[in-house]
């Protein structure tokens, strides 16, 4: 795309997000997480001056939605990649508040990618999350991870997405889900699960 003066508009900087649902995020941590995700996004804006920032989120309850609300509040565009068609996905949110959040974020999104209405039939739910996670990584220049440092509890979850991102050499910023530690980058091409509790996981603190 060209702009006045004959120059080309810089492509958007696309940030993916993956992380835990509320059952793995203590209530007392939500205020800190909102502030830290906001700080991470502010830092990205500073490093990518002149580029439009876009967040890609799966809109599951928990970290996905927290990041989506922060991104919208900062003026970022929101793209969504759903694990299932929205009609099926809504069945996972029996509480009116959670359903309202989901619909509001869908309405605010500039782009929604979702499977066919009946795609999920005859498939395990993990297939949907695995496919959505892969799609998010393919679009992303950087991944924000809200993770508690523990092991995987299923295919297509936070750990698998992180491991895939590291295998691909995608930059990652880890925001700890349960501890008040500063966000930090994770080095690529190293198994998250095997290295989860090792002090040898080297990092630098983000500013």
N, C-alpha and C. Protein backbone atom coordinates (compact mmCIF):
# COMPACT_ATOMS: atom_id res chain seq x y z
N UNK A 1 0.84 -1.19 0.00
CA UNK A 1 0.00 0.00 0.00
C UNK A 1 0.88 1.24 0.00
N UNK A 2 0.53 2.21 -0.83
CA UNK A 2 1.31 3.44 -0.88
C UNK A 2 0.59 4.56 -0.15
N UNK A 3 1.36 5.53 0.29
CA UNK A 3 0.80 6.67 0.98
C UNK A 3 1.30 7.92 0.28
N UNK A 4 0.77 9.08 0.65
CA UNK A 4 1.17 10.32 0.02
C UNK A 4 2.67 10.49 0.15
N UNK A 5 3.27 11.00 -0.93
CA UNK A 5 4.71 11.16 -0.94
C UNK A 5 5.41 10.00 -1.61
N UNK A 6 4.64 8.98 -2.03
CA UNK A 6 5.22 7.86 -2.77
C UNK A 6 5.78 6.75 -1.91
N UNK A 7 5.75 6.90 -0.59
CA UNK A 7 6.29 5.85 0.27
C UNK A 7 5.31 4.72 0.46
N UNK A 8 5.79 3.64 1.02
CA UNK A 8 4.95 2.49 1.31
C UNK A 8 4.63 2.43 2.79
N UNK A 9 3.39 2.12 3.08
CA UNK A 9 2.99 1.98 4.48
C UNK A 9 3.63 0.73 5.07
N UNK A 10 4.20 0.87 6.26
CA UNK A 10 4.82 -0.29 6.90
C UNK A 10 3.74 -1.33 7.21
N UNK A 11 4.05 -2.61 7.05
CA UNK A 11 3.07 -3.64 7.36
C UNK A 11 2.76 -3.64 8.86
N UNK A 12 1.58 -4.10 9.24
CA UNK A 12 1.26 -4.14 10.67
C UNK A 12 2.17 -5.10 11.41
N UNK A 13 2.35 -4.84 12.69
CA UNK A 13 3.08 -5.77 13.56
C UNK A 13 2.05 -6.60 14.29
N UNK A 14 2.08 -7.90 14.07
CA UNK A 14 1.02 -8.78 14.55
C UNK A 14 1.50 -9.55 15.78
N UNK A 15 0.75 -9.45 16.84
CA UNK A 15 1.08 -10.10 18.12
C UNK A 15 0.02 -11.15 18.43
N UNK A 16 0.44 -12.38 18.63
CA UNK A 16 -0.47 -13.42 19.05
C UNK A 16 -0.50 -13.52 20.57
N UNK A 17 -1.52 -14.15 21.09
CA UNK A 17 -1.60 -14.38 22.53
C UNK A 17 -2.08 -15.81 22.79
N UNK A 18 -1.49 -16.43 23.79
CA UNK A 18 -1.97 -17.71 24.30
C UNK A 18 -1.81 -17.69 25.80
N UNK A 19 -2.60 -18.46 26.49
CA UNK A 19 -2.50 -18.46 27.95
C UNK A 19 -3.63 -19.22 28.59
N UNK A 20 -3.60 -19.22 29.90
CA UNK A 20 -4.52 -20.07 30.65
C UNK A 20 -5.92 -19.49 30.75
N UNK A 21 -6.83 -20.38 31.06
CA UNK A 21 -8.20 -20.00 31.39
C UNK A 21 -8.26 -19.63 32.88
N UNK A 22 -9.39 -19.10 33.33
CA UNK A 22 -9.47 -18.62 34.72
C UNK A 22 -9.15 -19.66 35.79
N UNK A 23 -9.36 -20.95 35.49
CA UNK A 23 -9.11 -21.96 36.52
C UNK A 23 -7.63 -22.10 36.87
N UNK A 24 -6.73 -21.54 36.03
CA UNK A 24 -5.29 -21.58 36.34
C UNK A 24 -4.72 -20.19 36.60
N UNK A 25 -5.61 -19.22 36.78
CA UNK A 25 -5.17 -17.86 37.12
C UNK A 25 -5.87 -17.45 38.42
N UNK A 26 -5.13 -17.33 39.52
CA UNK A 26 -5.75 -16.95 40.79
C UNK A 26 -6.42 -15.57 40.71
N UNK A 27 -7.53 -15.42 41.40
CA UNK A 27 -8.26 -14.15 41.38
C UNK A 27 -7.37 -12.97 41.73
N UNK A 28 -6.45 -13.17 42.67
CA UNK A 28 -5.61 -12.07 43.14
C UNK A 28 -4.61 -11.58 42.09
N UNK A 29 -4.45 -12.33 41.00
CA UNK A 29 -3.44 -11.99 40.00
C UNK A 29 -3.97 -11.16 38.83
N UNK A 30 -5.28 -11.01 38.72
CA UNK A 30 -5.84 -10.39 37.53
C UNK A 30 -5.43 -8.93 37.36
N UNK A 31 -5.43 -8.18 38.41
CA UNK A 31 -5.05 -6.77 38.30
C UNK A 31 -3.60 -6.63 37.83
N UNK A 32 -2.71 -7.45 38.41
CA UNK A 32 -1.30 -7.43 37.97
C UNK A 32 -1.18 -7.83 36.51
N UNK A 33 -1.88 -8.87 36.11
CA UNK A 33 -1.78 -9.34 34.74
C UNK A 33 -2.24 -8.28 33.74
N UNK A 34 -3.32 -7.59 34.06
CA UNK A 34 -3.78 -6.52 33.17
C UNK A 34 -2.71 -5.46 33.01
N UNK A 35 -2.08 -5.08 34.12
CA UNK A 35 -1.05 -4.04 34.07
C UNK A 35 0.18 -4.52 33.30
N UNK A 36 0.58 -5.77 33.51
CA UNK A 36 1.78 -6.27 32.84
C UNK A 36 1.55 -6.48 31.34
N UNK A 37 0.40 -6.98 30.97
CA UNK A 37 0.10 -7.12 29.54
C UNK A 37 0.06 -5.75 28.89
N UNK A 38 -0.51 -4.78 29.59
CA UNK A 38 -0.52 -3.40 29.08
C UNK A 38 0.90 -2.88 28.90
N UNK A 39 1.77 -3.13 29.87
CA UNK A 39 3.16 -2.68 29.76
C UNK A 39 3.88 -3.35 28.59
N UNK A 40 3.63 -4.64 28.39
CA UNK A 40 4.25 -5.35 27.27
C UNK A 40 3.81 -4.73 25.95
N UNK A 41 2.52 -4.45 25.83
CA UNK A 41 2.02 -3.86 24.59
C UNK A 41 2.57 -2.46 24.37
N UNK A 42 2.69 -1.70 25.45
CA UNK A 42 3.28 -0.36 25.33
C UNK A 42 4.72 -0.46 24.84
N UNK A 43 5.46 -1.44 25.34
CA UNK A 43 6.83 -1.64 24.91
C UNK A 43 6.91 -2.03 23.44
N UNK A 44 5.97 -2.86 23.00
CA UNK A 44 5.93 -3.24 21.59
C UNK A 44 5.68 -2.02 20.71
N UNK A 45 4.76 -1.18 21.13
CA UNK A 45 4.47 0.04 20.37
C UNK A 45 5.72 0.90 20.23
N UNK A 46 6.49 1.01 21.32
CA UNK A 46 7.70 1.80 21.28
C UNK A 46 8.74 1.23 20.33
N UNK A 47 8.84 -0.08 20.29
CA UNK A 47 9.82 -0.74 19.42
C UNK A 47 9.37 -0.76 17.97
N UNK A 48 8.08 -0.66 17.75
CA UNK A 48 7.53 -0.74 16.39
C UNK A 48 6.89 0.58 15.97
N UNK A 49 7.51 1.66 16.35
CA UNK A 49 6.98 2.99 16.04
C UNK A 49 6.71 3.12 14.54
N UNK A 50 5.55 3.65 14.22
CA UNK A 50 5.18 3.84 12.83
C UNK A 50 4.43 2.67 12.23
N UNK A 51 4.31 1.59 12.97
CA UNK A 51 3.57 0.42 12.48
C UNK A 51 2.29 0.23 13.27
N UNK A 52 1.25 -0.14 12.58
CA UNK A 52 -0.02 -0.45 13.25
C UNK A 52 0.12 -1.79 13.96
N UNK A 53 -0.35 -1.87 15.19
CA UNK A 53 -0.27 -3.12 15.95
C UNK A 53 -1.60 -3.85 15.90
N UNK A 54 -1.51 -5.16 15.76
CA UNK A 54 -2.69 -6.03 15.68
C UNK A 54 -2.51 -7.17 16.68
N UNK A 55 -3.57 -7.48 17.42
CA UNK A 55 -3.55 -8.65 18.29
C UNK A 55 -4.39 -9.74 17.66
N UNK A 56 -3.87 -10.97 17.68
CA UNK A 56 -4.62 -12.14 17.24
C UNK A 56 -4.92 -12.99 18.46
N UNK A 57 -6.19 -13.23 18.72
CA UNK A 57 -6.61 -13.93 19.92
C UNK A 57 -7.66 -14.98 19.59
N UNK A 58 -7.62 -16.08 20.34
CA UNK A 58 -8.63 -17.12 20.18
C UNK A 58 -9.91 -16.86 20.93
N UNK A 59 -9.91 -15.84 21.81
CA UNK A 59 -11.08 -15.41 22.58
C UNK A 59 -11.62 -16.44 23.56
N UNK A 60 -10.78 -17.39 23.96
CA UNK A 60 -11.19 -18.25 25.07
C UNK A 60 -11.21 -17.41 26.34
N UNK A 61 -11.97 -17.87 27.34
CA UNK A 61 -11.98 -17.15 28.62
C UNK A 61 -10.58 -17.14 29.21
N UNK A 62 -10.27 -16.09 29.94
CA UNK A 62 -8.96 -16.01 30.58
C UNK A 62 -8.02 -15.09 29.86
N UNK A 63 -6.80 -15.57 29.62
CA UNK A 63 -5.74 -14.73 29.06
C UNK A 63 -6.08 -14.18 27.68
N UNK A 64 -6.75 -14.99 26.84
CA UNK A 64 -7.10 -14.54 25.49
C UNK A 64 -7.93 -13.26 25.54
N UNK A 65 -8.91 -13.25 26.41
CA UNK A 65 -9.82 -12.10 26.48
C UNK A 65 -9.18 -10.92 27.20
N UNK A 66 -8.41 -11.21 28.23
CA UNK A 66 -7.71 -10.13 28.92
C UNK A 66 -6.86 -9.34 27.93
N UNK A 67 -6.06 -10.05 27.14
CA UNK A 67 -5.21 -9.38 26.16
C UNK A 67 -6.03 -8.64 25.12
N UNK A 68 -7.15 -9.23 24.72
CA UNK A 68 -7.99 -8.58 23.70
C UNK A 68 -8.54 -7.25 24.20
N UNK A 69 -9.01 -7.22 25.43
CA UNK A 69 -9.54 -5.97 25.98
C UNK A 69 -8.44 -4.92 26.13
N UNK A 70 -7.27 -5.34 26.58
CA UNK A 70 -6.16 -4.38 26.71
C UNK A 70 -5.77 -3.84 25.33
N UNK A 71 -5.68 -4.72 24.34
CA UNK A 71 -5.31 -4.28 22.99
C UNK A 71 -6.31 -3.28 22.44
N UNK A 72 -7.59 -3.56 22.60
CA UNK A 72 -8.61 -2.64 22.10
C UNK A 72 -8.51 -1.29 22.82
N UNK A 73 -8.25 -1.33 24.11
CA UNK A 73 -8.11 -0.10 24.88
C UNK A 73 -6.92 0.73 24.44
N UNK A 74 -5.92 0.09 23.87
CA UNK A 74 -4.74 0.80 23.39
C UNK A 74 -4.88 1.21 21.92
N UNK A 75 -6.02 0.91 21.32
CA UNK A 75 -6.23 1.30 19.94
C UNK A 75 -5.72 0.31 18.91
N UNK A 76 -5.38 -0.90 19.35
CA UNK A 76 -4.93 -1.92 18.42
C UNK A 76 -6.12 -2.50 17.67
N UNK A 77 -5.84 -3.05 16.50
CA UNK A 77 -6.85 -3.85 15.80
C UNK A 77 -6.89 -5.24 16.44
N UNK A 78 -8.07 -5.85 16.41
CA UNK A 78 -8.25 -7.19 16.96
C UNK A 78 -8.66 -8.15 15.85
N UNK A 79 -7.88 -9.21 15.68
CA UNK A 79 -8.24 -10.31 14.80
C UNK A 79 -8.47 -11.53 15.67
N UNK A 80 -9.45 -12.33 15.33
CA UNK A 80 -9.74 -13.52 16.13
C UNK A 80 -9.65 -14.78 15.26
N UNK A 81 -9.15 -15.84 15.89
CA UNK A 81 -9.12 -17.16 15.26
C UNK A 81 -9.80 -18.11 16.24
N UNK A 82 -11.00 -18.55 15.90
CA UNK A 82 -11.78 -19.37 16.82
C UNK A 82 -11.50 -20.86 16.62
N UNK A 83 -11.52 -21.58 17.73
CA UNK A 83 -11.31 -23.03 17.67
C UNK A 83 -12.50 -23.75 17.06
N UNK A 84 -13.68 -23.14 17.18
CA UNK A 84 -14.91 -23.71 16.64
C UNK A 84 -15.74 -22.58 16.04
N UNK A 85 -16.75 -22.94 15.26
CA UNK A 85 -17.72 -21.94 14.83
C UNK A 85 -18.31 -21.27 16.07
N UNK A 86 -18.62 -20.00 15.95
CA UNK A 86 -19.08 -19.25 17.14
C UNK A 86 -20.30 -19.88 17.80
N UNK A 87 -21.20 -20.48 17.01
CA UNK A 87 -22.39 -21.10 17.60
C UNK A 87 -22.00 -22.26 18.51
N UNK A 88 -21.00 -23.04 18.12
CA UNK A 88 -20.50 -24.12 18.98
C UNK A 88 -19.71 -23.57 20.14
N UNK A 89 -18.87 -22.56 19.88
CA UNK A 89 -18.02 -22.01 20.93
C UNK A 89 -18.84 -21.42 22.06
N UNK A 90 -19.97 -20.81 21.73
CA UNK A 90 -20.81 -20.19 22.76
C UNK A 90 -21.32 -21.20 23.77
N UNK A 91 -21.37 -22.47 23.40
CA UNK A 91 -21.82 -23.50 24.34
C UNK A 91 -20.83 -23.68 25.49
N UNK A 92 -19.60 -23.21 25.32
CA UNK A 92 -18.60 -23.31 26.38
C UNK A 92 -18.74 -22.22 27.42
N UNK A 93 -19.64 -21.26 27.19
CA UNK A 93 -19.76 -20.11 28.09
C UNK A 93 -21.19 -20.01 28.62
N UNK A 94 -21.54 -20.85 29.60
CA UNK A 94 -22.92 -20.88 30.09
C UNK A 94 -23.31 -19.63 30.87
N UNK A 95 -22.32 -18.92 31.45
CA UNK A 95 -22.64 -17.73 32.23
C UNK A 95 -22.91 -16.55 31.29
N UNK A 96 -23.98 -15.80 31.54
CA UNK A 96 -24.30 -14.66 30.67
C UNK A 96 -23.15 -13.66 30.54
N UNK A 97 -22.40 -13.43 31.63
CA UNK A 97 -21.29 -12.48 31.55
C UNK A 97 -20.23 -12.95 30.56
N UNK A 98 -19.87 -14.24 30.65
CA UNK A 98 -18.85 -14.79 29.75
C UNK A 98 -19.33 -14.76 28.30
N UNK A 99 -20.60 -15.07 28.09
CA UNK A 99 -21.16 -15.04 26.75
C UNK A 99 -21.18 -13.61 26.20
N UNK A 100 -21.52 -12.66 27.07
CA UNK A 100 -21.53 -11.26 26.66
C UNK A 100 -20.15 -10.77 26.28
N UNK A 101 -19.13 -11.17 27.06
CA UNK A 101 -17.75 -10.83 26.72
C UNK A 101 -17.39 -11.32 25.33
N UNK A 102 -17.72 -12.58 25.08
CA UNK A 102 -17.37 -13.21 23.82
C UNK A 102 -18.02 -12.47 22.65
N UNK A 103 -19.30 -12.19 22.77
CA UNK A 103 -20.02 -11.51 21.68
C UNK A 103 -19.52 -10.09 21.49
N UNK A 104 -19.20 -9.41 22.59
CA UNK A 104 -18.70 -8.04 22.47
C UNK A 104 -17.35 -8.00 21.76
N UNK A 105 -16.47 -8.95 22.08
CA UNK A 105 -15.16 -8.98 21.44
C UNK A 105 -15.28 -9.38 19.97
N UNK A 106 -16.17 -10.29 19.65
CA UNK A 106 -16.40 -10.63 18.24
C UNK A 106 -16.86 -9.40 17.47
N UNK A 107 -17.76 -8.64 18.07
CA UNK A 107 -18.28 -7.45 17.40
C UNK A 107 -17.19 -6.40 17.21
N UNK A 108 -16.23 -6.36 18.13
CA UNK A 108 -15.15 -5.37 18.06
C UNK A 108 -14.02 -5.79 17.13
N UNK A 109 -13.99 -7.05 16.75
CA UNK A 109 -12.89 -7.56 15.94
C UNK A 109 -12.98 -7.06 14.50
N UNK A 110 -11.84 -6.73 13.93
CA UNK A 110 -11.77 -6.34 12.52
C UNK A 110 -11.82 -7.55 11.61
N UNK A 111 -11.40 -8.70 12.13
CA UNK A 111 -11.38 -9.91 11.31
C UNK A 111 -11.67 -11.10 12.20
N UNK A 112 -12.56 -11.97 11.74
CA UNK A 112 -12.91 -13.19 12.48
C UNK A 112 -12.70 -14.38 11.55
N UNK A 113 -11.88 -15.33 12.01
CA UNK A 113 -11.66 -16.57 11.28
C UNK A 113 -12.24 -17.69 12.13
N UNK A 114 -13.12 -18.48 11.53
CA UNK A 114 -13.75 -19.57 12.28
C UNK A 114 -14.04 -20.74 11.34
N UNK A 115 -14.09 -21.97 11.89
CA UNK A 115 -14.41 -23.13 11.06
C UNK A 115 -15.87 -23.10 10.62
N UNK A 116 -16.21 -24.01 9.73
CA UNK A 116 -17.61 -24.18 9.34
C UNK A 116 -18.45 -24.55 10.56
N UNK A 117 -19.74 -24.29 10.48
CA UNK A 117 -20.63 -24.49 11.63
C UNK A 117 -20.54 -25.90 12.20
N UNK A 118 -20.46 -26.91 11.35
CA UNK A 118 -20.45 -28.30 11.84
C UNK A 118 -19.08 -28.94 11.81
N UNK A 119 -18.03 -28.14 11.66
CA UNK A 119 -16.67 -28.68 11.56
C UNK A 119 -16.30 -29.54 12.76
N UNK A 120 -16.80 -29.19 13.95
CA UNK A 120 -16.40 -29.87 15.17
C UNK A 120 -17.00 -31.26 15.33
N UNK A 121 -18.04 -31.57 14.58
CA UNK A 121 -18.74 -32.85 14.77
C UNK A 121 -17.83 -34.01 14.40
N UNK A 122 -17.73 -34.97 15.32
CA UNK A 122 -16.91 -36.14 15.10
C UNK A 122 -15.44 -35.91 15.38
N UNK A 123 -15.09 -34.74 15.90
CA UNK A 123 -13.69 -34.43 16.21
C UNK A 123 -13.55 -34.16 17.71
N UNK A 124 -12.41 -34.53 18.29
CA UNK A 124 -12.16 -34.14 19.68
C UNK A 124 -11.96 -32.63 19.76
N UNK A 125 -12.35 -32.05 20.88
CA UNK A 125 -12.24 -30.59 21.04
C UNK A 125 -10.80 -30.11 20.88
N UNK A 126 -9.85 -30.96 21.27
CA UNK A 126 -8.44 -30.56 21.17
C UNK A 126 -8.04 -30.23 19.74
N UNK A 127 -8.70 -30.86 18.76
CA UNK A 127 -8.37 -30.58 17.36
C UNK A 127 -8.62 -29.11 17.04
N UNK A 128 -9.70 -28.57 17.56
CA UNK A 128 -10.02 -27.17 17.30
C UNK A 128 -8.99 -26.23 17.89
N UNK A 129 -8.58 -26.50 19.12
CA UNK A 129 -7.59 -25.63 19.77
C UNK A 129 -6.22 -25.76 19.12
N UNK A 130 -5.87 -26.97 18.71
CA UNK A 130 -4.59 -27.18 18.02
C UNK A 130 -4.56 -26.41 16.70
N UNK A 131 -5.63 -26.51 15.93
CA UNK A 131 -5.70 -25.83 14.64
C UNK A 131 -5.68 -24.31 14.83
N UNK A 132 -6.43 -23.82 15.81
CA UNK A 132 -6.45 -22.38 16.06
C UNK A 132 -5.09 -21.88 16.51
N UNK A 133 -4.42 -22.65 17.37
CA UNK A 133 -3.09 -22.25 17.83
C UNK A 133 -2.10 -22.14 16.69
N UNK A 134 -2.13 -23.12 15.78
CA UNK A 134 -1.24 -23.07 14.62
C UNK A 134 -1.52 -21.85 13.75
N UNK A 135 -2.80 -21.54 13.56
CA UNK A 135 -3.17 -20.39 12.73
C UNK A 135 -2.71 -19.08 13.35
N UNK A 136 -2.82 -18.98 14.66
CA UNK A 136 -2.36 -17.77 15.35
C UNK A 136 -0.86 -17.59 15.16
N UNK A 137 -0.10 -18.67 15.32
CA UNK A 137 1.35 -18.57 15.16
C UNK A 137 1.74 -18.16 13.74
N UNK A 138 1.05 -18.68 12.75
CA UNK A 138 1.39 -18.36 11.37
C UNK A 138 1.21 -16.88 11.07
N UNK A 139 0.33 -16.22 11.79
CA UNK A 139 0.06 -14.81 11.53
C UNK A 139 0.93 -13.87 12.37
N UNK A 140 1.59 -14.40 13.38
CA UNK A 140 2.20 -13.56 14.41
C UNK A 140 3.67 -13.26 14.17
N UNK A 141 4.06 -12.05 14.56
CA UNK A 141 5.47 -11.65 14.59
C UNK A 141 6.06 -11.84 15.98
N UNK A 142 5.21 -11.96 16.98
CA UNK A 142 5.62 -12.12 18.39
C UNK A 142 4.45 -12.74 19.12
N UNK A 143 4.76 -13.51 20.15
CA UNK A 143 3.72 -14.18 20.94
C UNK A 143 3.80 -13.75 22.40
N UNK A 144 2.68 -13.31 22.97
CA UNK A 144 2.56 -13.07 24.40
C UNK A 144 1.97 -14.33 25.04
N UNK A 145 2.63 -14.82 26.08
CA UNK A 145 2.20 -16.04 26.75
C UNK A 145 1.90 -15.74 28.22
N UNK A 146 0.71 -16.09 28.66
CA UNK A 146 0.35 -16.00 30.08
C UNK A 146 0.34 -17.43 30.60
N UNK A 147 1.39 -17.78 31.33
CA UNK A 147 1.66 -19.18 31.69
C UNK A 147 2.08 -19.27 33.15
N UNK A 148 1.67 -20.35 33.83
CA UNK A 148 1.97 -20.51 35.24
C UNK A 148 3.26 -21.28 35.51
N UNK A 149 3.98 -21.66 34.45
CA UNK A 149 5.23 -22.38 34.63
C UNK A 149 5.07 -23.87 34.82
N UNK A 150 3.84 -24.36 34.81
CA UNK A 150 3.58 -25.78 35.01
C UNK A 150 3.46 -26.50 33.67
N UNK A 151 3.33 -27.84 33.72
CA UNK A 151 3.27 -28.64 32.52
C UNK A 151 1.94 -28.60 31.80
N UNK A 152 1.89 -29.29 30.68
CA UNK A 152 0.71 -29.29 29.82
C UNK A 152 -0.42 -30.11 30.43
N UNK A 153 -1.64 -29.70 30.13
CA UNK A 153 -2.81 -30.47 30.55
C UNK A 153 -3.69 -30.85 29.37
N UNK A 154 -3.12 -30.79 28.17
CA UNK A 154 -3.90 -31.20 27.01
C UNK A 154 -3.34 -30.67 25.72
N UNK A 155 -3.68 -31.35 24.64
CA UNK A 155 -3.25 -30.96 23.31
C UNK A 155 -3.91 -29.64 22.91
N UNK A 156 -3.15 -28.81 22.23
CA UNK A 156 -3.70 -27.54 21.77
C UNK A 156 -3.69 -26.46 22.82
N UNK A 157 -3.09 -26.73 23.97
CA UNK A 157 -3.08 -25.76 25.05
C UNK A 157 -1.88 -24.84 25.01
N UNK A 158 -1.71 -24.09 26.08
CA UNK A 158 -0.67 -23.08 26.17
C UNK A 158 0.73 -23.64 25.92
N UNK A 159 1.04 -24.79 26.54
CA UNK A 159 2.38 -25.36 26.43
C UNK A 159 2.69 -25.75 24.99
N UNK A 160 1.74 -26.40 24.33
CA UNK A 160 1.97 -26.83 22.96
C UNK A 160 2.17 -25.63 22.04
N UNK A 161 1.37 -24.59 22.22
CA UNK A 161 1.52 -23.40 21.38
C UNK A 161 2.89 -22.75 21.62
N UNK A 162 3.32 -22.68 22.89
CA UNK A 162 4.64 -22.12 23.19
C UNK A 162 5.76 -22.93 22.57
N UNK A 163 5.68 -24.25 22.71
CA UNK A 163 6.72 -25.10 22.13
C UNK A 163 6.79 -24.93 20.62
N UNK A 164 5.63 -24.85 19.97
CA UNK A 164 5.61 -24.66 18.52
C UNK A 164 6.22 -23.32 18.15
N UNK A 165 5.90 -22.29 18.92
CA UNK A 165 6.45 -20.96 18.64
C UNK A 165 7.97 -20.97 18.78
N UNK A 166 8.47 -21.64 19.78
CA UNK A 166 9.92 -21.68 19.98
C UNK A 166 10.60 -22.49 18.89
N UNK A 167 9.97 -23.58 18.46
CA UNK A 167 10.53 -24.36 17.36
C UNK A 167 10.64 -23.52 16.08
N UNK A 168 9.70 -22.60 15.92
CA UNK A 168 9.68 -21.74 14.74
C UNK A 168 10.56 -20.50 14.89
N UNK A 169 11.15 -20.33 16.08
CA UNK A 169 11.99 -19.16 16.32
C UNK A 169 11.21 -17.88 16.52
N UNK A 170 9.94 -17.98 16.88
CA UNK A 170 9.11 -16.80 17.07
C UNK A 170 9.43 -16.14 18.41
N UNK A 171 9.64 -14.84 18.45
CA UNK A 171 9.89 -14.16 19.73
C UNK A 171 8.70 -14.35 20.68
N UNK A 172 9.00 -14.57 21.95
CA UNK A 172 7.97 -14.81 22.95
C UNK A 172 8.23 -13.93 24.17
N UNK A 173 7.16 -13.34 24.71
CA UNK A 173 7.24 -12.64 25.98
C UNK A 173 6.34 -13.40 26.96
N UNK A 174 6.93 -13.85 28.06
CA UNK A 174 6.21 -14.62 29.07
C UNK A 174 5.78 -13.71 30.20
N UNK A 175 4.46 -13.68 30.43
CA UNK A 175 3.88 -13.01 31.59
C UNK A 175 3.43 -14.11 32.54
N UNK A 176 4.02 -14.16 33.73
CA UNK A 176 3.73 -15.25 34.66
C UNK A 176 2.29 -15.15 35.17
N UNK A 177 1.58 -16.26 35.10
CA UNK A 177 0.16 -16.27 35.46
C UNK A 177 -0.08 -16.22 36.96
N UNK A 178 0.88 -16.67 37.76
CA UNK A 178 0.62 -16.80 39.20
C UNK A 178 1.62 -16.09 40.10
N UNK A 179 2.71 -15.58 39.53
CA UNK A 179 3.74 -14.92 40.34
C UNK A 179 3.98 -13.50 39.85
N UNK A 180 4.25 -12.61 40.78
CA UNK A 180 4.47 -11.20 40.45
C UNK A 180 5.92 -10.97 40.01
N UNK A 181 6.32 -11.66 38.94
CA UNK A 181 7.65 -11.47 38.39
C UNK A 181 7.54 -10.68 37.10
N UNK A 182 8.60 -9.95 36.71
CA UNK A 182 8.51 -9.13 35.50
C UNK A 182 8.34 -10.00 34.25
N UNK A 183 7.64 -9.50 33.26
CA UNK A 183 7.58 -10.21 31.97
C UNK A 183 8.98 -10.42 31.42
N UNK A 184 9.17 -11.53 30.75
CA UNK A 184 10.51 -11.86 30.27
C UNK A 184 10.44 -12.62 28.95
N UNK A 185 11.45 -12.47 28.09
CA UNK A 185 11.46 -13.22 26.84
C UNK A 185 11.87 -14.67 27.09
N UNK A 186 11.41 -15.55 26.24
CA UNK A 186 11.82 -16.95 26.28
C UNK A 186 12.65 -17.23 25.04
N UNK A 187 13.74 -17.95 25.23
CA UNK A 187 14.62 -18.26 24.11
C UNK A 187 13.98 -19.31 23.21
N UNK A 188 14.23 -19.26 21.90
CA UNK A 188 13.62 -20.23 20.99
C UNK A 188 14.30 -21.58 21.04
N UNK A 189 13.62 -22.56 20.39
CA UNK A 189 14.17 -23.90 20.17
C UNK A 189 14.64 -24.59 21.45
N UNK A 190 13.75 -24.57 22.43
CA UNK A 190 14.04 -25.31 23.66
C UNK A 190 12.72 -25.78 24.24
N UNK A 191 12.65 -26.98 24.69
CA UNK A 191 11.39 -27.53 25.16
C UNK A 191 10.93 -26.84 26.43
N UNK A 192 9.74 -26.26 26.38
CA UNK A 192 9.16 -25.62 27.55
C UNK A 192 8.95 -26.64 28.67
N UNK A 193 8.38 -27.79 28.35
CA UNK A 193 8.05 -28.76 29.38
C UNK A 193 9.31 -29.27 30.07
N UNK A 194 10.33 -29.62 29.30
CA UNK A 194 11.55 -30.14 29.90
C UNK A 194 12.29 -29.08 30.69
N UNK A 195 12.16 -27.83 30.25
CA UNK A 195 12.92 -26.78 30.91
C UNK A 195 12.11 -25.94 31.86
N UNK A 196 10.87 -26.35 32.13
CA UNK A 196 9.97 -25.48 32.87
C UNK A 196 10.47 -25.12 34.25
N UNK A 197 11.10 -26.06 34.93
CA UNK A 197 11.49 -25.80 36.32
C UNK A 197 13.00 -25.71 36.48
N UNK A 198 13.72 -25.50 35.39
CA UNK A 198 15.17 -25.42 35.48
C UNK A 198 15.64 -23.99 35.61
N UNK A 199 16.52 -23.77 36.52
CA UNK A 199 17.07 -22.42 36.68
C UNK A 199 17.93 -22.03 35.49
N UNK A 200 18.27 -23.01 34.66
CA UNK A 200 19.09 -22.74 33.48
C UNK A 200 18.33 -21.99 32.40
N UNK A 201 17.01 -21.79 32.58
CA UNK A 201 16.25 -21.01 31.62
C UNK A 201 16.71 -19.56 31.71
N UNK A 202 17.57 -19.15 30.79
CA UNK A 202 18.14 -17.83 30.83
C UNK A 202 17.19 -16.81 30.21
N UNK A 203 17.18 -15.63 30.75
CA UNK A 203 16.32 -14.59 30.23
C UNK A 203 16.87 -13.23 30.64
N UNK A 204 16.33 -12.22 29.99
CA UNK A 204 16.58 -10.85 30.43
C UNK A 204 15.22 -10.23 30.73
N UNK A 205 15.16 -9.34 31.67
CA UNK A 205 13.90 -8.69 32.01
C UNK A 205 13.59 -7.64 30.97
N UNK A 206 12.33 -7.62 30.52
CA UNK A 206 11.93 -6.58 29.58
C UNK A 206 11.79 -5.26 30.32
N UNK A 207 12.04 -4.18 29.61
CA UNK A 207 11.99 -2.85 30.23
C UNK A 207 10.60 -2.26 30.12
